[in-house]
Protein backbone atom coordinates (compact mmCIF):
# COMPACT_ATOMS: atom_id res chain seq x y z
CA MET A 1 28.44 -23.14 -86.12
CA LYS A 2 31.40 -25.33 -86.06
CA PRO A 3 31.32 -28.18 -83.73
CA GLY A 4 34.42 -26.92 -82.06
CA LYS A 5 33.20 -23.42 -81.26
CA LEU A 6 30.01 -24.95 -80.05
CA LEU A 7 32.27 -26.98 -77.35
CA LEU A 8 33.75 -23.88 -76.52
CA LEU A 9 30.89 -21.95 -76.02
CA VAL A 10 29.23 -24.95 -73.82
CA ILE A 11 32.41 -24.59 -71.66
CA VAL A 12 32.63 -20.99 -71.20
CA ALA A 13 29.05 -20.96 -70.24
CA ALA A 14 29.43 -23.72 -67.56
CA THR A 15 32.49 -21.90 -66.10
CA LEU A 16 30.40 -18.67 -66.10
CA VAL A 17 27.80 -20.74 -63.97
CA VAL A 18 30.25 -22.25 -61.62
CA LEU A 19 31.72 -18.78 -61.01
CA ALA A 20 28.31 -17.14 -60.27
CA MET A 21 27.23 -19.71 -57.79
CA CYS A 22 30.74 -19.80 -56.01
CA SER A 23 30.22 -15.73 -55.77
CA ALA A 24 26.58 -15.98 -54.39
CA ARG A 25 28.15 -18.58 -52.14
CA GLN A 26 30.72 -15.94 -50.87
CA GLN A 27 28.08 -13.39 -50.66
CA ARG A 28 25.98 -15.24 -48.60
CA ALA A 29 28.66 -16.42 -46.08
CA ALA A 30 30.39 -12.77 -45.63
CA PRO A 31 29.60 -11.15 -42.13
CA PRO A 32 27.25 -8.52 -42.64
CA SER A 33 28.96 -4.74 -42.76
CA VAL A 34 26.83 -3.97 -39.33
CA ILE A 35 28.39 -6.81 -37.09
CA GLY A 36 30.73 -5.05 -34.82
CA ARG A 37 28.73 -1.44 -34.95
CA LYS A 38 27.09 0.13 -32.16
CA LEU A 39 23.34 -0.46 -31.71
CA LEU A 40 22.30 3.00 -30.84
CA PRO A 41 25.18 4.96 -32.39
CA ALA A 42 23.30 8.40 -31.93
CA LEU A 43 21.96 7.71 -28.36
CA GLU A 44 23.07 10.56 -25.73
CA LEU A 45 22.88 9.51 -22.25
CA GLN A 46 22.70 13.14 -20.84
CA ALA A 47 19.71 13.81 -23.08
CA VAL A 48 17.38 10.83 -21.59
CA ALA A 49 15.19 12.15 -19.07
CA ARG A 50 12.46 9.14 -18.61
CA VAL A 51 12.99 5.63 -19.19
CA GLU A 52 9.82 3.55 -19.80
CA ILE A 53 9.78 -0.54 -19.49
CA ALA A 54 6.99 -2.91 -20.19
CA ARG A 55 7.72 -6.03 -19.87
CA GLN A 56 4.28 -8.68 -20.41
CA GLY A 57 1.90 -5.45 -19.89
CA VAL A 58 3.29 -4.17 -16.74
CA PRO A 59 4.67 -0.63 -17.13
CA ILE A 60 7.76 0.93 -15.27
CA ALA A 61 8.62 4.30 -15.45
CA LEU A 62 11.80 6.10 -14.52
CA VAL A 63 11.57 9.92 -14.48
CA ARG A 64 14.53 12.02 -13.91
CA GLU A 65 13.10 15.42 -11.59
CA ASP A 66 15.03 18.18 -10.00
CA SER A 67 15.94 16.31 -6.95
CA GLY A 68 17.09 13.40 -9.07
CA TRP A 69 15.51 9.96 -10.74
CA VAL A 70 12.61 8.46 -9.12
CA VAL A 71 10.32 5.65 -9.88
CA ALA A 72 7.18 6.96 -10.98
CA ASN A 73 4.89 4.26 -10.27
CA LEU A 74 6.55 3.33 -7.14
CA PHE A 75 4.78 6.45 -5.56
CA ASN A 76 8.22 8.49 -7.00
CA TYR A 77 10.38 6.76 -4.44
CA PRO A 78 14.19 7.50 -5.47
CA ALA A 79 15.60 5.32 -7.89
CA ASP A 80 18.92 3.61 -7.72
CA VAL A 81 21.04 5.68 -9.85
CA SER A 82 24.04 3.58 -10.12
CA LYS A 83 21.71 0.58 -11.55
CA LEU A 84 20.27 3.11 -13.96
CA GLN A 85 23.21 4.57 -14.90
CA THR A 86 24.81 1.26 -15.07
CA ALA A 87 21.67 -0.08 -17.77
CA LEU A 88 22.08 2.96 -19.96
CA LEU A 89 25.79 2.71 -20.32
CA THR A 90 25.40 -0.86 -21.22
CA LEU A 91 22.31 0.31 -23.79
CA SER A 92 24.72 3.00 -25.31
CA GLY A 93 27.49 0.67 -25.65
CA LEU A 94 25.79 -2.56 -27.16
CA LYS A 95 27.54 -3.84 -30.54
CA ILE A 96 25.56 -6.00 -33.14
CA GLY A 97 27.21 -9.35 -32.53
CA GLU A 98 24.72 -11.16 -35.52
CA VAL A 99 22.19 -10.52 -37.77
CA ALA A 100 19.31 -12.92 -36.56
CA ARG A 101 17.28 -13.78 -39.76
CA GLY A 102 13.94 -15.23 -39.80
CA VAL A 103 13.58 -14.19 -35.85
CA ASN A 104 10.49 -12.87 -34.37
CA ILE A 105 10.57 -11.12 -31.11
CA ASP A 106 7.15 -9.67 -31.18
CA THR A 107 5.21 -11.74 -28.89
CA ASN A 108 5.78 -11.08 -25.18
CA ALA A 109 8.62 -8.61 -25.95
CA THR A 110 10.09 -6.26 -23.63
CA LEU A 111 10.09 -2.75 -24.29
CA VAL A 112 12.41 -0.19 -23.51
CA ASP A 113 11.74 3.35 -24.25
CA LEU A 114 14.18 6.13 -23.93
CA GLN A 115 12.79 9.54 -23.98
CA GLY A 116 14.22 12.93 -23.57
CA PRO A 117 12.75 16.18 -21.95
CA SER A 118 9.10 16.70 -22.89
CA GLY A 119 8.65 12.85 -23.82
CA LYS A 120 10.84 13.54 -27.00
CA PRO A 121 11.80 9.86 -28.33
CA LEU A 122 15.20 8.96 -28.47
CA ALA A 123 15.31 5.43 -28.88
CA THR A 124 12.74 2.39 -28.32
CA LEU A 125 14.09 -1.16 -28.01
CA ARG A 126 12.31 -4.27 -28.35
CA LEU A 127 13.92 -7.42 -26.47
CA SER A 128 13.38 -10.81 -26.75
CA PRO A 129 11.53 -12.62 -24.00
CA ALA A 130 13.49 -13.53 -20.86
CA ALA A 131 12.43 -16.78 -20.28
CA ALA A 132 13.61 -18.30 -23.36
CA MET A 133 15.64 -16.85 -26.65
CA ARG A 134 13.30 -17.35 -29.82
CA MET A 135 15.78 -18.84 -32.69
CA GLY A 136 13.60 -19.60 -35.80
CA ASP A 137 10.82 -22.38 -34.42
CA ASP A 138 13.32 -23.14 -31.68
CA ARG A 139 13.17 -22.26 -28.06
CA ARG A 140 16.42 -22.68 -26.27
CA PRO A 141 16.86 -21.81 -22.50
CA PRO A 142 19.04 -18.85 -22.30
CA ARG A 143 22.76 -19.07 -21.53
CA PRO A 144 25.19 -15.94 -20.74
CA SER A 145 27.15 -16.76 -24.05
CA GLN A 146 23.89 -16.18 -26.04
CA GLY A 147 23.24 -12.62 -25.05
CA ARG A 148 20.17 -11.35 -26.12
CA HIS A 149 17.66 -10.71 -29.41
CA VAL A 150 17.11 -6.85 -29.88
CA ALA A 151 15.33 -4.77 -32.44
CA VAL A 152 15.47 -0.87 -32.96
CA ALA A 153 12.15 0.68 -33.72
CA GLY A 154 12.57 1.93 -37.18
CA ASN A 155 14.36 -1.23 -38.43
CA ASN A 156 12.76 -4.59 -38.95
CA GLN A 157 15.73 -6.54 -38.53
CA VAL A 158 16.48 -8.38 -35.47
CA TYR A 159 20.28 -8.41 -33.94
CA LEU A 160 21.84 -10.71 -31.43
CA VAL A 161 23.79 -8.71 -28.85
CA LYS A 162 26.40 -10.27 -26.36
CA ASP A 163 24.59 -8.65 -23.06
CA GLY A 164 21.92 -10.22 -21.57
CA LEU A 165 20.41 -7.14 -20.44
CA GLU A 166 18.64 -8.88 -17.39
CA THR A 167 18.50 -5.81 -15.66
CA PHE A 168 15.37 -4.73 -17.63
CA ASP A 169 13.48 -7.96 -16.50
CA GLY A 170 12.98 -7.01 -13.12
CA GLU A 171 9.93 -5.12 -11.49
CA ALA A 172 9.58 -1.62 -10.45
CA ARG A 173 10.92 -2.10 -6.60
CA ASP A 174 13.57 -3.68 -8.36
CA TRP A 175 14.87 -0.10 -9.70
CA ALA A 176 14.69 1.54 -6.38
CA ASP A 177 17.57 2.20 -3.41
CA SER A 178 16.66 -0.62 -1.41
CA GLU A 179 19.10 0.05 1.09
CA LEU A 180 17.87 1.45 4.15
CA LEU A 181 20.44 1.34 6.82
CA LYS A 182 24.05 -0.02 7.24
CA VAL A 183 25.36 0.24 10.90
CA THR A 184 28.20 -2.08 12.01
CA SER A 185 27.49 -4.45 14.75
CA SER A 186 30.36 -3.40 16.55
CA ASP A 187 29.08 0.19 16.81
CA ILE A 188 26.11 -0.56 18.74
CA GLN A 189 26.37 0.22 22.26
CA ASN A 190 22.53 -0.18 23.11
CA ILE A 191 19.37 -1.94 21.67
CA GLU A 192 16.16 -1.38 23.32
CA LEU A 193 13.21 -3.74 22.25
CA ALA A 194 9.36 -2.64 23.15
CA SER A 195 6.25 -4.09 22.82
CA PRO A 196 3.04 -4.60 24.16
CA ALA A 197 4.40 -7.84 25.81
CA GLY A 198 7.05 -5.81 27.42
CA SER A 199 10.45 -3.84 26.75
CA LEU A 200 14.20 -5.35 27.11
CA THR A 201 17.75 -3.60 27.01
CA LEU A 202 20.64 -5.08 25.83
CA THR A 203 23.92 -3.29 26.73
CA ARG A 204 27.57 -3.67 25.33
CA GLU A 205 29.88 -5.25 27.80
CA GLY A 206 33.14 -5.68 26.06
CA SER A 207 32.75 -7.32 22.82
CA ALA A 208 29.26 -8.36 23.63
CA LEU A 209 25.86 -7.43 24.30
CA GLN A 210 23.99 -8.63 27.47
CA VAL A 211 20.68 -8.31 29.07
CA GLN A 212 20.44 -6.28 32.21
CA GLY A 213 19.32 -7.71 35.44
CA LEU A 214 19.85 -11.32 34.66
CA ALA A 215 19.14 -14.03 37.44
CA PRO A 216 21.88 -16.31 38.52
CA HIS A 217 20.27 -19.17 36.69
CA GLU A 218 19.66 -17.21 33.24
CA GLU A 219 21.83 -16.13 30.26
CA LEU A 220 21.56 -14.94 26.97
CA ASP A 221 20.95 -16.84 24.04
CA SER A 222 23.57 -15.81 22.17
CA SER A 223 22.40 -16.78 18.48
CA LYS A 224 19.27 -15.04 19.06
CA ALA A 225 21.24 -12.03 20.41
CA TYR A 226 23.58 -12.12 17.18
CA ASP A 227 19.93 -11.93 15.08
CA VAL A 228 18.82 -8.93 17.09
CA GLU A 229 22.40 -6.62 16.80
CA SER A 230 22.63 -7.59 13.14
CA VAL A 231 19.36 -5.86 11.80
CA PHE A 232 20.39 -2.96 11.06
CA SER A 233 23.98 -3.91 9.54
CA TYR A 234 22.24 -4.50 6.07
CA LEU A 235 18.63 -3.28 6.46
CA ARG A 236 16.98 -3.32 2.60
CA PHE A 237 13.17 -3.09 2.18
CA ASN A 238 10.97 -5.47 -0.20
CA ASP A 239 8.39 -2.76 -1.42
CA VAL A 240 7.01 0.30 -0.63
CA ALA A 241 3.69 1.09 1.15
CA ASP A 242 1.26 3.31 -0.46
CA PRO A 243 1.56 6.78 1.35
CA LYS A 244 -2.04 6.88 1.45
CA LEU A 245 -2.51 3.95 3.80
CA THR A 246 -3.19 5.03 7.52
CA PRO A 247 -1.35 4.24 10.74
CA VAL A 248 -4.34 2.19 11.70
CA GLN A 249 -4.52 0.56 8.35
CA THR A 250 -0.56 -0.45 8.47
CA GLY A 251 -0.73 -1.26 12.45
CA LEU A 252 1.76 1.48 13.43
CA THR A 253 -0.78 2.49 16.09
CA THR A 254 0.06 -0.17 18.38
CA ALA A 255 3.48 -0.96 16.66
CA SER A 256 6.66 -2.44 18.53
CA THR A 257 9.61 -0.47 18.72
CA TYR A 258 13.37 -1.44 18.18
CA ARG A 259 16.03 1.29 18.89
CA VAL A 260 19.76 1.04 18.37
CA THR A 261 21.94 3.96 20.01
CA THR A 262 25.74 3.67 18.85
CA LYS A 263 28.81 4.39 20.46
CA GLY A 264 28.98 7.75 19.15
CA GLY A 265 25.50 8.66 20.31
CA ASP A 266 23.41 8.05 17.33
CA SER A 267 20.01 7.02 17.39
CA TYR A 268 18.15 4.77 14.84
CA THR A 269 14.51 3.76 15.45
CA ALA A 270 11.81 1.37 13.60
CA ARG A 271 8.75 0.89 14.30
CA ILE A 272 7.08 -2.22 13.44
CA GLY A 273 3.32 -2.48 11.99
CA GLY A 274 1.22 -5.19 10.87
CA ALA A 275 1.47 -7.44 8.22
CA ALA A 276 0.41 -6.48 4.52
CA ALA A 277 -1.38 -8.67 1.96
CA SER A 278 2.13 -9.77 0.62
CA GLY A 279 3.01 -11.09 4.05
CA ASP A 280 5.78 -8.52 4.54
CA ARG A 281 5.68 -6.08 7.62
CA TYR A 282 5.01 -2.50 7.55
CA LEU A 283 8.06 -0.19 8.81
CA ARG A 284 8.33 3.13 9.90
CA LEU A 285 12.01 4.57 10.41
CA GLU A 286 13.59 7.74 12.48
CA ALA A 287 17.21 8.58 12.77
CA VAL A 288 18.66 11.44 15.45
CA LEU A 289 22.31 12.05 14.89
CA ALA A 290 24.74 13.15 18.00
CA PRO A 291 25.08 16.62 17.91
CA PRO A 292 28.68 17.44 16.81
CA GLY A 293 29.87 20.24 19.04
CA THR A 294 30.95 23.67 18.08
CA ASN A 295 33.20 22.69 14.98
CA ALA A 296 31.69 24.60 11.85
CA THR A 297 32.56 21.91 9.67
CA ALA A 298 31.59 19.26 11.60
CA LYS A 299 28.26 20.87 12.33
CA ALA A 300 27.61 21.58 8.23
CA GLU A 301 28.11 17.91 7.61
CA TYR A 302 26.09 17.01 10.59
CA ASP A 303 23.11 19.60 9.57
CA THR A 304 23.62 17.97 5.90
CA ARG A 305 23.51 14.27 6.73
CA GLN A 306 20.49 14.59 9.27
CA ALA A 307 18.47 16.25 6.65
CA GLU A 308 19.39 13.42 4.18
CA LEU A 309 18.01 10.97 6.65
CA ASN A 310 14.95 12.80 7.54
CA GLN A 311 13.97 13.02 3.99
CA LYS A 312 15.03 9.56 2.93
CA PHE A 313 12.78 8.14 5.88
CA GLY A 314 10.27 11.34 6.71
CA ASN A 315 7.43 10.12 4.26
CA TRP A 316 7.98 6.63 3.59
CA THR A 317 6.65 3.33 5.08
CA TYR A 318 8.38 0.39 4.11
CA LEU A 319 7.71 -3.36 3.76
CA VAL A 320 10.30 -5.53 5.02
CA SER A 321 10.31 -9.55 5.55
CA THR A 322 8.76 -11.47 8.00
CA ALA A 323 12.35 -12.69 9.27
CA THR A 324 13.57 -8.99 9.42
CA ALA A 325 10.35 -8.03 11.37
CA ALA A 326 10.82 -10.96 13.74
CA ASN A 327 14.51 -10.27 14.49
CA MET A 328 13.20 -6.74 15.82
CA THR A 329 10.23 -7.97 17.72
CA LEU A 330 11.71 -10.58 20.43
CA THR A 331 10.74 -10.75 23.87
CA ARG A 332 12.82 -11.42 26.96
CA ALA A 333 11.29 -14.60 26.62
CA ASP A 334 12.82 -15.07 23.39
CA LEU A 335 16.27 -13.97 24.27
CA VAL A 336 17.12 -15.24 27.72
CA LYS A 337 17.44 -18.86 28.34
CA PRO A 338 17.84 -21.12 31.58
CA LYS A 339 21.59 -21.06 32.29
CA VAL A 340 23.62 -24.57 31.54
CA VAL A 341 25.17 -25.76 34.49
CA THR A 342 28.25 -27.99 33.24
CA THR A 343 29.38 -30.72 35.76
CA ASN A 344 32.29 -29.17 36.72
CA ASP A 345 30.22 -26.19 37.30
CA SER A 346 28.27 -28.44 39.59
CA ALA A 347 31.16 -30.15 41.31
CA SER A 348 32.66 -26.84 42.20
CA ALA A 349 29.60 -25.58 43.84
CA GLN A 350 29.07 -28.53 45.92
CA THR A 351 32.86 -28.77 46.88
CA PRO A 352 33.26 -26.99 50.36
CA ALA A 353 36.14 -24.13 49.95
CA ALA A 354 39.43 -25.10 51.91
CA PRO A 355 40.07 -24.01 55.28
């Protein structure tokens, strides 16, 4: 072979090698075709009848029953439907933001299993641990912009999604509808407090609640009064007690009572029992709405609302914080203090009236 042809072949071969290397680099740099696609494109939310979540080995089961969604391992207490629907919508809308090569999320992963009726499998996800995002051998504290690593059962690939999915990191009680009452302070007419130490009634006079029968040298501690009247403005529980517990075990046989009566005549009563192992206090609630009169529509609304409250409170004993319980068990000694006499008041009292 002539030297010129050999040189030409060498040049052509070198050119082909360079082109192949450039092509390989471009292929590695090109984003995978799955980016931007939905992680669960076939998920039908209306088919979801059970959601099981396992985080660090602790199971949570949310089940759709005829009466609605319940938290199965919280004694079938009603679930927070709004929170659950938002969480499911988030899952159905997840889009792949990045293919996370070399990432292993099997250790301490949170498992989310979506099932249809009769346990039919719909989708199972593995979420990276909430405490840190594993990126190869590197652990970095999570930031909202990082999102979360997720894997779908049947696919060994790990993806990075934009949403942090923090909702799935809670406990069973975090999925319950923990709001109990929301009674505006300005709507309260009377508050009755009764305990083994005695009883006390606060009645609204004008814009403020007052203790009846105060002596001239006594006055209501306004800061303590505010604590008392705001208890039901946003009453929430910390946990639900085991329905098998007896009144003796919960201390409700010798309970203190906190009763609010609104200007419209509705009555809400709380009975406060003893302390649980967590330190929270046991609580039972009862609601009696004011009769609406003879109007058929108003009576139907009253019957519906009263039935809802009876169902909500009738079978449950709650656990509330010690601070909440303390504000419902204050005594007269806590609420009434010696009246502060100012200098002007003293002078007025000592100055004789003009003849």
